N, C-alpha and C. Protein backbone atom coordinates (compact mmCIF):
# COMPACT_ATOMS: atom_id res chain seq x y z
N MET A 1 39.95 156.18 260.88
CA MET A 1 40.08 157.18 259.84
C MET A 1 41.38 157.95 260.04
N SER A 2 42.45 157.23 259.95
CA SER A 2 43.75 157.86 260.14
C SER A 2 44.38 158.12 258.78
N GLY A 3 44.01 159.16 258.21
CA GLY A 3 44.55 159.54 256.91
C GLY A 3 44.52 161.05 256.76
N ARG A 4 45.20 161.49 255.77
CA ARG A 4 45.19 162.93 255.51
C ARG A 4 43.94 163.30 254.76
N THR A 5 43.34 164.34 255.18
CA THR A 5 42.19 164.86 254.45
C THR A 5 42.63 166.07 253.68
N ARG A 6 41.95 166.31 252.62
CA ARG A 6 42.28 167.47 251.79
C ARG A 6 41.78 168.75 252.44
N PRO A 7 42.54 169.81 252.28
CA PRO A 7 42.03 171.09 252.77
C PRO A 7 40.87 171.54 251.90
N ALA A 8 40.04 172.40 252.44
CA ALA A 8 38.86 172.87 251.73
C ALA A 8 39.22 173.69 250.50
N SER A 9 40.43 174.23 250.47
CA SER A 9 40.83 175.06 249.33
C SER A 9 41.66 174.25 248.34
N SER A 10 41.16 173.09 247.93
CA SER A 10 41.89 172.29 246.96
C SER A 10 41.84 172.97 245.60
N VAL A 11 42.58 172.43 244.68
CA VAL A 11 42.68 173.02 243.34
C VAL A 11 41.32 173.03 242.65
N LEU A 12 40.55 171.96 242.80
CA LEU A 12 39.27 171.88 242.12
C LEU A 12 38.21 172.77 242.75
N ALA A 13 38.38 173.14 244.02
CA ALA A 13 37.40 173.98 244.68
C ALA A 13 37.60 175.46 244.38
N GLN A 14 38.74 175.81 243.82
CA GLN A 14 39.01 177.22 243.54
C GLN A 14 38.26 177.66 242.30
N PRO A 15 37.81 178.90 242.27
CA PRO A 15 37.10 179.38 241.07
C PRO A 15 38.07 179.52 239.90
N LEU A 16 37.52 179.40 238.71
CA LEU A 16 38.35 179.54 237.52
C LEU A 16 38.75 181.00 237.33
N ARG A 17 39.97 181.18 236.93
CA ARG A 17 40.48 182.52 236.66
C ARG A 17 40.56 182.72 235.16
N PRO A 18 40.47 183.96 234.72
CA PRO A 18 40.67 184.18 233.28
C PRO A 18 42.13 183.89 232.92
N PRO A 19 42.37 183.49 231.68
CA PRO A 19 43.75 183.16 231.30
C PRO A 19 44.63 184.41 231.32
N SER A 20 45.91 184.18 231.52
CA SER A 20 46.86 185.29 231.50
C SER A 20 46.96 185.85 230.09
N LEU A 21 47.58 186.99 229.96
CA LEU A 21 47.71 187.64 228.67
C LEU A 21 48.53 186.78 227.70
N GLY A 22 49.58 186.15 228.21
CA GLY A 22 50.41 185.30 227.36
C GLY A 22 49.65 184.07 226.88
N ARG A 23 48.86 183.45 227.76
CA ARG A 23 48.08 182.28 227.38
C ARG A 23 46.98 182.65 226.40
N ALA A 24 46.35 183.81 226.59
CA ALA A 24 45.32 184.27 225.65
C ALA A 24 45.94 184.53 224.27
N ALA A 25 47.14 185.11 224.24
CA ALA A 25 47.82 185.34 222.96
C ALA A 25 48.19 184.02 222.30
N LEU A 26 48.60 183.05 223.10
CA LEU A 26 48.93 181.73 222.57
C LEU A 26 47.69 181.07 221.97
N TYR A 27 46.57 181.13 222.66
CA TYR A 27 45.34 180.54 222.14
C TYR A 27 44.87 181.26 220.88
N LEU A 28 45.04 182.57 220.83
CA LEU A 28 44.67 183.31 219.62
C LEU A 28 45.57 182.91 218.44
N ALA A 29 46.87 182.74 218.71
CA ALA A 29 47.78 182.31 217.64
C ALA A 29 47.43 180.89 217.18
N LEU A 30 47.06 180.01 218.10
CA LEU A 30 46.65 178.66 217.72
C LEU A 30 45.34 178.68 216.93
N PHE A 31 44.44 179.59 217.28
CA PHE A 31 43.19 179.74 216.54
C PHE A 31 43.47 180.15 215.09
N VAL A 32 44.35 181.13 214.91
CA VAL A 32 44.71 181.60 213.56
C VAL A 32 45.44 180.49 212.79
N LEU A 33 46.31 179.76 213.46
CA LEU A 33 47.01 178.66 212.81
C LEU A 33 46.04 177.55 212.40
N GLY A 34 45.02 177.31 213.23
CA GLY A 34 43.99 176.33 212.86
C GLY A 34 43.19 176.79 211.66
N ALA A 35 42.89 178.09 211.59
CA ALA A 35 42.17 178.62 210.44
C ALA A 35 43.01 178.49 209.17
N ALA A 36 44.30 178.77 209.27
CA ALA A 36 45.19 178.63 208.11
C ALA A 36 45.29 177.17 207.67
N THR A 37 45.30 176.25 208.63
CA THR A 37 45.33 174.83 208.30
C THR A 37 44.04 174.41 207.62
N GLY A 38 42.91 174.96 208.04
CA GLY A 38 41.63 174.65 207.40
C GLY A 38 41.57 175.14 205.97
N VAL A 39 42.07 176.35 205.72
CA VAL A 39 42.08 176.89 204.36
C VAL A 39 43.03 176.08 203.47
N ALA A 40 44.21 175.77 204.00
CA ALA A 40 45.17 174.99 203.22
C ALA A 40 44.63 173.59 202.93
N GLY A 41 43.97 172.99 203.90
CA GLY A 41 43.39 171.67 203.69
C GLY A 41 42.25 171.69 202.70
N ALA A 42 41.45 172.76 202.72
CA ALA A 42 40.34 172.87 201.76
C ALA A 42 40.86 172.99 200.34
N LEU A 43 42.00 173.63 200.17
CA LEU A 43 42.57 173.75 198.83
C LEU A 43 43.34 172.50 198.42
N LEU A 44 43.88 171.77 199.37
CA LEU A 44 44.70 170.61 199.07
C LEU A 44 43.89 169.34 198.85
N GLN A 45 42.81 169.18 199.60
CA GLN A 45 42.10 167.90 199.56
C GLN A 45 41.49 167.55 198.20
N PRO A 46 41.03 168.50 197.38
CA PRO A 46 40.53 168.06 196.07
C PRO A 46 41.64 167.88 195.03
N ALA A 47 42.84 168.39 195.32
CA ALA A 47 43.91 168.34 194.33
C ALA A 47 44.39 166.91 194.08
N TRP A 48 44.76 166.20 195.13
CA TRP A 48 45.18 164.81 195.02
C TRP A 48 44.20 164.03 195.87
N PHE A 49 43.13 163.52 195.28
CA PHE A 49 41.98 163.10 196.08
C PHE A 49 42.30 162.22 197.27
N PRO A 50 42.73 161.02 197.16
CA PRO A 50 42.85 160.31 198.43
C PRO A 50 44.02 160.81 199.26
N GLY A 51 45.15 161.09 198.62
CA GLY A 51 46.33 161.54 199.35
C GLY A 51 46.17 162.92 199.94
N GLY A 52 45.57 163.84 199.19
CA GLY A 52 45.37 165.20 199.69
C GLY A 52 44.42 165.25 200.86
N LEU A 53 43.38 164.44 200.81
CA LEU A 53 42.42 164.38 201.91
C LEU A 53 43.10 163.85 203.17
N LEU A 54 43.86 162.79 203.03
CA LEU A 54 44.55 162.23 204.20
C LEU A 54 45.60 163.19 204.74
N LEU A 55 46.29 163.88 203.85
CA LEU A 55 47.29 164.85 204.28
C LEU A 55 46.65 166.03 205.00
N ALA A 56 45.52 166.50 204.51
CA ALA A 56 44.82 167.62 205.16
C ALA A 56 44.31 167.23 206.54
N LEU A 57 43.76 166.02 206.67
CA LEU A 57 43.28 165.58 207.98
C LEU A 57 44.43 165.28 208.93
N ALA A 58 45.54 164.78 208.41
CA ALA A 58 46.72 164.54 209.25
C ALA A 58 47.31 165.86 209.76
N ALA A 59 47.27 166.89 208.92
CA ALA A 59 47.78 168.19 209.35
C ALA A 59 46.93 168.76 210.48
N GLU A 60 45.62 168.61 210.36
CA GLU A 60 44.74 169.09 211.43
C GLU A 60 44.95 168.29 212.71
N ALA A 61 45.07 166.98 212.58
CA ALA A 61 45.29 166.14 213.76
C ALA A 61 46.62 166.48 214.43
N GLY A 62 47.65 166.66 213.64
CA GLY A 62 48.95 167.01 214.20
C GLY A 62 48.93 168.34 214.92
N LEU A 63 48.25 169.31 214.32
CA LEU A 63 48.18 170.63 214.95
C LEU A 63 47.39 170.58 216.24
N CYS A 64 46.22 169.97 216.23
CA CYS A 64 45.38 169.95 217.43
C CYS A 64 46.00 169.12 218.55
N LEU A 65 46.49 167.94 218.21
CA LEU A 65 47.08 167.09 219.24
C LEU A 65 48.40 167.67 219.75
N GLY A 66 49.20 168.21 218.85
CA GLY A 66 50.45 168.82 219.28
C GLY A 66 50.24 170.06 220.13
N ALA A 67 49.25 170.87 219.79
CA ALA A 67 48.97 172.06 220.59
C ALA A 67 48.44 171.68 221.97
N GLY A 68 47.61 170.63 222.03
CA GLY A 68 47.11 170.18 223.32
C GLY A 68 48.22 169.64 224.21
N ARG A 69 49.12 168.89 223.61
CA ARG A 69 50.23 168.35 224.40
C ARG A 69 51.23 169.44 224.77
N ALA A 70 51.45 170.41 223.88
CA ALA A 70 52.42 171.47 224.16
C ALA A 70 51.93 172.40 225.27
N THR A 71 50.65 172.71 225.27
CA THR A 71 50.13 173.59 226.31
C THR A 71 49.81 172.85 227.58
N GLY A 72 49.58 171.54 227.47
CA GLY A 72 49.24 170.76 228.65
C GLY A 72 47.81 170.93 229.09
N ARG A 73 46.99 171.50 228.25
CA ARG A 73 45.59 171.75 228.58
C ARG A 73 44.71 171.44 227.39
N ARG A 74 43.46 171.18 227.69
CA ARG A 74 42.51 170.87 226.63
C ARG A 74 42.23 172.09 225.75
N GLY A 75 42.33 173.28 226.30
CA GLY A 75 42.11 174.49 225.52
C GLY A 75 43.12 174.65 224.39
N GLY A 76 44.31 174.09 224.57
CA GLY A 76 45.31 174.13 223.52
C GLY A 76 44.91 173.33 222.30
N ALA A 77 44.13 172.27 222.50
CA ALA A 77 43.64 171.49 221.37
C ALA A 77 42.35 172.06 220.79
N VAL A 78 41.57 172.71 221.62
CA VAL A 78 40.28 173.25 221.17
C VAL A 78 40.48 174.52 220.33
N ALA A 79 41.47 175.34 220.66
CA ALA A 79 41.67 176.60 219.94
C ALA A 79 41.95 176.39 218.45
N PRO A 80 42.90 175.53 218.04
CA PRO A 80 43.08 175.33 216.60
C PRO A 80 41.91 174.61 215.95
N ALA A 81 41.23 173.74 216.70
CA ALA A 81 40.06 173.05 216.15
C ALA A 81 38.94 174.05 215.86
N ALA A 82 38.77 175.02 216.75
CA ALA A 82 37.74 176.05 216.52
C ALA A 82 38.12 176.93 215.33
N GLY A 83 39.39 177.27 215.20
CA GLY A 83 39.83 178.05 214.04
C GLY A 83 39.64 177.29 212.74
N TRP A 84 39.94 175.99 212.75
CA TRP A 84 39.74 175.15 211.57
C TRP A 84 38.27 175.11 211.20
N ALA A 85 37.42 174.88 212.19
CA ALA A 85 35.98 174.76 211.92
C ALA A 85 35.41 176.07 211.38
N LEU A 86 35.80 177.19 211.96
CA LEU A 86 35.29 178.47 211.48
C LEU A 86 35.73 178.75 210.05
N ALA A 87 36.99 178.48 209.75
CA ALA A 87 37.48 178.72 208.39
C ALA A 87 36.79 177.84 207.37
N VAL A 88 36.61 176.57 207.71
CA VAL A 88 35.98 175.63 206.78
C VAL A 88 34.50 175.97 206.59
N VAL A 89 33.82 176.34 207.65
CA VAL A 89 32.40 176.70 207.52
C VAL A 89 32.25 177.98 206.68
N LEU A 90 33.14 178.93 206.88
CA LEU A 90 33.07 180.15 206.07
C LEU A 90 33.38 179.87 204.60
N LEU A 91 34.20 178.86 204.34
CA LEU A 91 34.52 178.52 202.95
C LEU A 91 33.40 177.73 202.26
N THR A 92 32.49 177.14 203.03
CA THR A 92 31.41 176.37 202.43
C THR A 92 30.28 177.25 201.91
N THR A 93 30.21 178.46 202.37
CA THR A 93 29.13 179.34 201.90
C THR A 93 29.42 179.79 200.47
N SER A 94 28.38 179.88 199.70
CA SER A 94 28.57 180.33 198.31
C SER A 94 28.39 181.85 198.25
N ARG A 95 29.04 182.45 197.30
CA ARG A 95 28.98 183.89 197.12
C ARG A 95 27.81 184.24 196.22
N PRO A 96 27.40 185.49 196.19
CA PRO A 96 26.28 185.88 195.32
C PRO A 96 26.56 185.64 193.84
N GLU A 97 27.83 185.64 193.47
CA GLU A 97 28.18 185.40 192.08
C GLU A 97 28.06 183.93 191.70
N GLY A 98 27.86 183.06 192.70
CA GLY A 98 27.74 181.64 192.44
C GLY A 98 29.04 180.89 192.65
N ASP A 99 30.09 181.56 193.09
CA ASP A 99 31.37 180.90 193.33
C ASP A 99 31.31 180.12 194.64
N PHE A 100 31.96 178.99 194.65
CA PHE A 100 32.09 178.21 195.88
C PHE A 100 33.38 177.42 195.81
N LEU A 101 33.86 176.99 196.96
CA LEU A 101 35.13 176.29 197.01
C LEU A 101 34.96 174.78 197.08
N PHE A 102 33.94 174.32 197.77
CA PHE A 102 33.73 172.89 197.94
C PHE A 102 32.76 172.37 196.89
N ALA A 103 33.17 171.32 196.22
CA ALA A 103 32.29 170.65 195.26
C ALA A 103 31.36 169.71 196.03
N ALA A 104 30.35 169.22 195.37
CA ALA A 104 29.39 168.33 196.02
C ALA A 104 29.82 166.88 195.87
N GLY A 105 31.07 166.61 196.09
CA GLY A 105 31.58 165.25 195.96
C GLY A 105 31.82 164.61 197.32
N SER A 106 32.18 163.35 197.28
CA SER A 106 32.41 162.61 198.53
C SER A 106 33.65 163.12 199.27
N GLY A 107 34.65 163.59 198.53
CA GLY A 107 35.86 164.10 199.17
C GLY A 107 35.61 165.30 200.06
N SER A 108 34.74 166.20 199.63
CA SER A 108 34.43 167.38 200.43
C SER A 108 33.70 167.00 201.71
N TYR A 109 32.76 166.06 201.58
CA TYR A 109 32.03 165.63 202.77
C TYR A 109 32.94 164.86 203.73
N LEU A 110 33.84 164.06 203.19
CA LEU A 110 34.80 163.36 204.05
C LEU A 110 35.73 164.35 204.75
N PHE A 111 36.10 165.41 204.05
CA PHE A 111 36.95 166.43 204.67
C PHE A 111 36.21 167.15 205.80
N LEU A 112 34.97 167.53 205.56
CA LEU A 112 34.20 168.24 206.59
C LEU A 112 33.92 167.35 207.79
N LEU A 113 33.35 166.18 207.55
CA LEU A 113 32.99 165.31 208.66
C LEU A 113 34.21 164.67 209.31
N GLY A 114 35.20 164.32 208.51
CA GLY A 114 36.43 163.77 209.07
C GLY A 114 37.19 164.79 209.90
N GLY A 115 37.18 166.04 209.45
CA GLY A 115 37.85 167.09 210.22
C GLY A 115 37.18 167.35 211.55
N ILE A 116 35.86 167.29 211.57
CA ILE A 116 35.14 167.45 212.83
C ILE A 116 35.45 166.29 213.76
N ALA A 117 35.47 165.07 213.22
CA ALA A 117 35.78 163.90 214.04
C ALA A 117 37.20 163.97 214.58
N VAL A 118 38.13 164.39 213.76
CA VAL A 118 39.53 164.52 214.20
C VAL A 118 39.63 165.57 215.31
N ALA A 119 38.93 166.69 215.17
CA ALA A 119 38.98 167.74 216.19
C ALA A 119 38.42 167.24 217.52
N VAL A 120 37.34 166.49 217.47
CA VAL A 120 36.74 165.96 218.70
C VAL A 120 37.68 164.95 219.35
N MET A 121 38.28 164.08 218.55
CA MET A 121 39.21 163.09 219.11
C MET A 121 40.43 163.76 219.74
N CYS A 122 40.97 164.76 219.08
CA CYS A 122 42.16 165.43 219.61
C CYS A 122 41.83 166.21 220.88
N ALA A 123 40.65 166.83 220.92
CA ALA A 123 40.27 167.55 222.13
C ALA A 123 40.01 166.58 223.28
N THR A 124 39.55 165.38 222.97
CA THR A 124 39.32 164.38 224.01
C THR A 124 40.64 163.81 224.52
N LEU A 125 41.61 163.65 223.65
CA LEU A 125 42.90 163.08 224.05
C LEU A 125 43.82 164.09 224.73
N ALA A 126 43.50 165.36 224.67
CA ALA A 126 44.36 166.38 225.26
C ALA A 126 44.36 166.24 226.78
N PRO A 127 45.47 166.57 227.42
CA PRO A 127 45.52 166.46 228.88
C PRO A 127 44.59 167.48 229.55
N VAL A 128 44.11 167.10 230.72
CA VAL A 128 43.23 167.98 231.48
C VAL A 128 43.93 168.40 232.76
N ARG A 129 43.41 169.42 233.38
CA ARG A 129 43.99 169.94 234.61
C ARG A 129 43.76 168.93 235.73
N GLN A 130 44.82 168.57 236.41
CA GLN A 130 44.74 167.60 237.49
C GLN A 130 44.90 168.31 238.83
N PRO A 131 44.23 167.81 239.85
CA PRO A 131 44.40 168.44 241.17
C PRO A 131 45.80 168.20 241.69
N GLY A 132 46.31 169.16 242.44
CA GLY A 132 47.64 169.02 243.02
C GLY A 132 47.62 168.04 244.18
N GLY A 133 48.75 167.58 244.53
CA GLY A 133 48.83 166.65 245.65
C GLY A 133 49.71 165.48 245.31
N GLY A 134 49.73 164.53 246.21
CA GLY A 134 50.55 163.36 246.03
C GLY A 134 50.01 162.41 244.98
N THR A 135 50.82 161.42 244.69
CA THR A 135 50.41 160.45 243.68
C THR A 135 49.73 159.24 244.31
N ALA A 136 49.65 159.22 245.64
CA ALA A 136 49.04 158.10 246.33
C ALA A 136 47.51 158.15 246.18
N ARG A 137 46.90 157.00 246.26
CA ARG A 137 45.44 156.93 246.18
C ARG A 137 44.84 157.37 247.51
N LEU A 138 43.68 157.93 247.43
CA LEU A 138 42.97 158.34 248.64
C LEU A 138 42.17 157.15 249.18
N ARG A 139 42.14 157.02 250.46
CA ARG A 139 41.35 155.96 251.08
C ARG A 139 40.01 156.50 251.51
N LYS A 140 39.09 155.58 251.65
CA LYS A 140 37.76 155.97 252.15
C LYS A 140 37.75 156.02 253.64
């Protein structure tokens, strides 16, 4: 057993810390940007049915995947996805006057379910925190 062993205080053994003020502000800005993307997509997708739907879903995918890659963490992809989901869910509720934004057509359902699927895929593809250390494999 002639190999280096990890110290007990490895990166994964350390407790999680709350995010810094700058990172929290970044996540809040990404959340608001995701909400704005959700509202814009909800208005765009019924306008030009197949093209608007694809454009709205591509905008969400670009925002979530780009934010995850830019921050280097999965939280960067989850923050705009959560903002998108909250905005879209709030837009689906009808008002007491009977006004609503989403029609009962296939495009609206594809936008809702497709947006959720895109958010899950982007959050899954986002980079995760890796333990520090060398790039060599550990031996048993």
